[in-house]
Structure formats: C-alpha cells, structure tokens
C-alpha atoms as a PDB file:
ATOM      1  CA  MET A   1     202.252 115.572  40.079  1.00  0.00           C
ATOM      2  CA  HIS A   2     201.415 111.831  40.021  1.00  0.00           C
ATOM      3  CA  VAL A   3     204.085 109.383  40.933  1.00  0.00           C
ATOM      4  CA  ALA A   4     203.708 105.632  40.226  1.00  0.00           C
ATOM      5  CA  PRO A   5     203.330 103.541  43.355  1.00  0.00           C
ATOM      6  CA  VAL A   6     206.367 101.674  44.666  1.00  0.00           C
ATOM      7  CA  GLY A   7     204.555  98.363  44.398  1.00  0.00           C
ATOM      8  CA  GLY A   8     205.269  98.137  40.682  1.00  0.00           C
ATOM      9  CA  THR A   9     202.137  98.539  38.625  1.00  0.00           C
ATOM     10  CA  ALA A  10     204.164  98.611  35.367  1.00  0.00           C
ATOM     11  CA  VAL A  11     202.551  97.103  32.358  1.00  0.00           C
ATOM     12  CA  GLN A  12     204.654  95.734  29.501  1.00  0.00           C
ATOM     13  CA  ASP A  13     203.527  96.164  25.934  1.00  0.00           C
ATOM     14  CA  HIS A  14     205.189  93.190  24.306  1.00  0.00           C
ATOM     15  CA  VAL A  15     204.452  94.276  20.784  1.00  0.00           C
ATOM     16  CA  ALA A  16     205.982  97.688  21.417  1.00  0.00           C
ATOM     17  CA  LEU A  17     209.052  96.118  23.077  1.00  0.00           C
ATOM     18  CA  ALA A  18     209.526  93.827  20.092  1.00  0.00           C
ATOM     19  CA  GLU A  19     209.219  96.694  17.663  1.00  0.00           C
ATOM     20  CA  ILE A  20     211.797  98.736  19.711  1.00  0.00           C
ATOM     21  CA  GLU A  21     214.223  95.693  19.565  1.00  0.00           C
ATOM     22  CA  LEU A  22     213.699  95.436  15.760  1.00  0.00           C
ATOM     23  CA  CYS A  23     214.441  99.142  15.323  1.00  0.00           C
ATOM     24  CA  GLY A  24     217.539  98.768  17.437  1.00  0.00           C
ATOM     25  CA  ASP A  25     218.631  95.860  15.209  1.00  0.00           C
ATOM     26  CA  LEU A  26     218.090  97.988  12.075  1.00  0.00           C
ATOM     27  CA  ILE A  27     220.073 100.845  13.619  1.00  0.00           C
ATOM     28  CA  ILE A  28     223.025  98.596  14.432  1.00  0.00           C
ATOM     29  CA  ALA A  29     222.943  97.085  10.957  1.00  0.00           C
ATOM     30  CA  ALA A  30     222.765 100.416   9.273  1.00  0.00           C
ATOM     31  CA  SER A  31     225.675 101.811  11.322  1.00  0.00           C
ATOM     32  CA  ALA A  32     227.737  98.734  10.361  1.00  0.00           C
ATOM     33  CA  ALA A  33     226.894  98.771   6.706  1.00  0.00           C
ATOM     34  CA  LEU A  34     229.443  99.900   4.175  1.00  0.00           C
ATOM     35  CA  GLU A  35     226.834 101.310   1.742  1.00  0.00           C
ATOM     36  CA  ASP A  36     224.822 104.535   2.389  1.00  0.00           C
ATOM     37  CA  ARG A  37     221.549 102.614   2.748  1.00  0.00           C
ATOM     38  CA  LEU A  38     220.606  99.027   3.657  1.00  0.00           C
ATOM     39  CA  SER A  39     219.256  97.074   0.680  1.00  0.00           C
ATOM     40  CA  LEU A  40     215.866  95.550   0.957  1.00  0.00           C
ATOM     41  CA  ALA A  41     217.478  92.143   1.186  1.00  0.00           C
ATOM     42  CA  SER A  42     219.707  93.296   4.055  1.00  0.00           C
ATOM     43  CA  ILE A  43     216.630  94.744   5.871  1.00  0.00           C
ATOM     44  CA  ASP A  44     214.809  91.442   5.412  1.00  0.00           C
ATOM     45  CA  GLU A  45     217.853  89.577   6.786  1.00  0.00           C
ATOM     46  CA  VAL A  46     218.103  91.828   9.846  1.00  0.00           C
ATOM     47  CA  LEU A  47     214.332  91.501  10.513  1.00  0.00           C
ATOM     48  CA  LYS A  48     214.477  87.824   9.842  1.00  0.00           C
ATOM     49  CA  VAL A  49     211.626  88.119   7.298  1.00  0.00           C
ATOM     50  CA  THR A  50     212.611  85.026   5.323  1.00  0.00           C
ATOM     51  CA  GLU A  51     212.651  82.866   8.465  1.00  0.00           C
ATOM     52  CA  GLU A  52     209.150  84.098   9.409  1.00  0.00           C
ATOM     53  CA  ARG A  53     207.912  83.402   5.885  1.00  0.00           C
ATOM     54  CA  ALA A  54     209.428  79.822   6.007  1.00  0.00           C
ATOM     55  CA  ARG A  55     207.914  79.270   9.451  1.00  0.00           C
ATOM     56  CA  GLY A  56     204.522  80.440   8.203  1.00  0.00           C
ATOM     57  CA  GLU A  57     204.767  78.146   5.129  1.00  0.00           C
ATOM     58  CA  HIS A  58     205.556  75.152   7.330  1.00  0.00           C
ATOM     59  CA  ALA A  59     202.563  75.984   9.568  1.00  0.00           C
ATOM     60  CA  ALA A  60     200.355  76.175   6.515  1.00  0.00           C
ATOM     61  CA  ASP A  61     201.710  72.844   5.275  1.00  0.00           C
ATOM     62  CA  ASP A  62     200.893  71.280   8.708  1.00  0.00           C
ATOM     63  CA  ARG A  63     197.271  72.603   8.558  1.00  0.00           C
ATOM     64  CA  ASP A  64     196.904  71.091   5.088  1.00  0.00           C
ATOM     65  CA  ARG A  65     197.830  67.616   6.379  1.00  0.00           C
ATOM     66  CA  GLY A  66     195.463  65.070   7.845  1.00  0.00           C
ATOM     67  CA  PRO A  67     195.697  63.491  11.209  1.00  0.00           C
ATOM     68  CA  VAL A  68     198.553  61.105  10.264  1.00  0.00           C
ATOM     69  CA  GLY A  69     200.611  63.549   8.233  1.00  0.00           C
ATOM     70  CA  ARG A  70     198.868  62.606   4.904  1.00  0.00           C
ATOM     71  CA  PRO A  71     197.101  65.232   2.709  1.00  0.00           C
ATOM     72  CA  ARG A  72     193.545  65.962   3.878  1.00  0.00           C
ATOM     73  CA  SER A  73     190.793  64.386   1.856  1.00  0.00           C
ATOM     74  CA  ALA A  74     187.182  65.464   1.587  1.00  0.00           C
ATOM     75  CA  GLY A  75     186.216  63.005   4.348  1.00  0.00           C
ATOM     76  CA  ASP A  76     188.674  64.303   6.974  1.00  0.00           C
ATOM     77  CA  ALA A  77     186.979  66.459   9.630  1.00  0.00           C
END
C-alpha cells in the first residue's frame, strides 16, 4: 500500500475544484426550488452564465478599441 508523504505533495486541480463548486451550487438551488426541475434560466442564473457573457462582451469591446479608447482604424497597430 502506498501512503502519501507527510510533507504535503498534494496537487490542486483548480478546474476540477471550480466544477465541483458549480455542481454544489446547482444541487443547493435544485433542493431549494419549488418546481420539479430548474429552468434553463434558473440554471444560467446559478452558474452566472449571463455575468460571464457580459464580461466576455466587455473584453471583446475593449479589444476592438484603439489605444485611447477610440475604435481601431486600419492604421492602428
């Protein structure tokens, strides 16, 4: 039998931890819901999908702007 050393060689998978947290959030929301199933809108709300989309749109808008916050022109590098 192999036992992990006491020194703490644990590795954290941040993506897996985030997914576990999101699953927990969904389980809590489902258990508190009055209906049998969560609606797609409710799931999006729990997972903060609209916030991520908005954040992504703002990032895209920022990339489309030139150095002084103006729209990029063909001459901008």
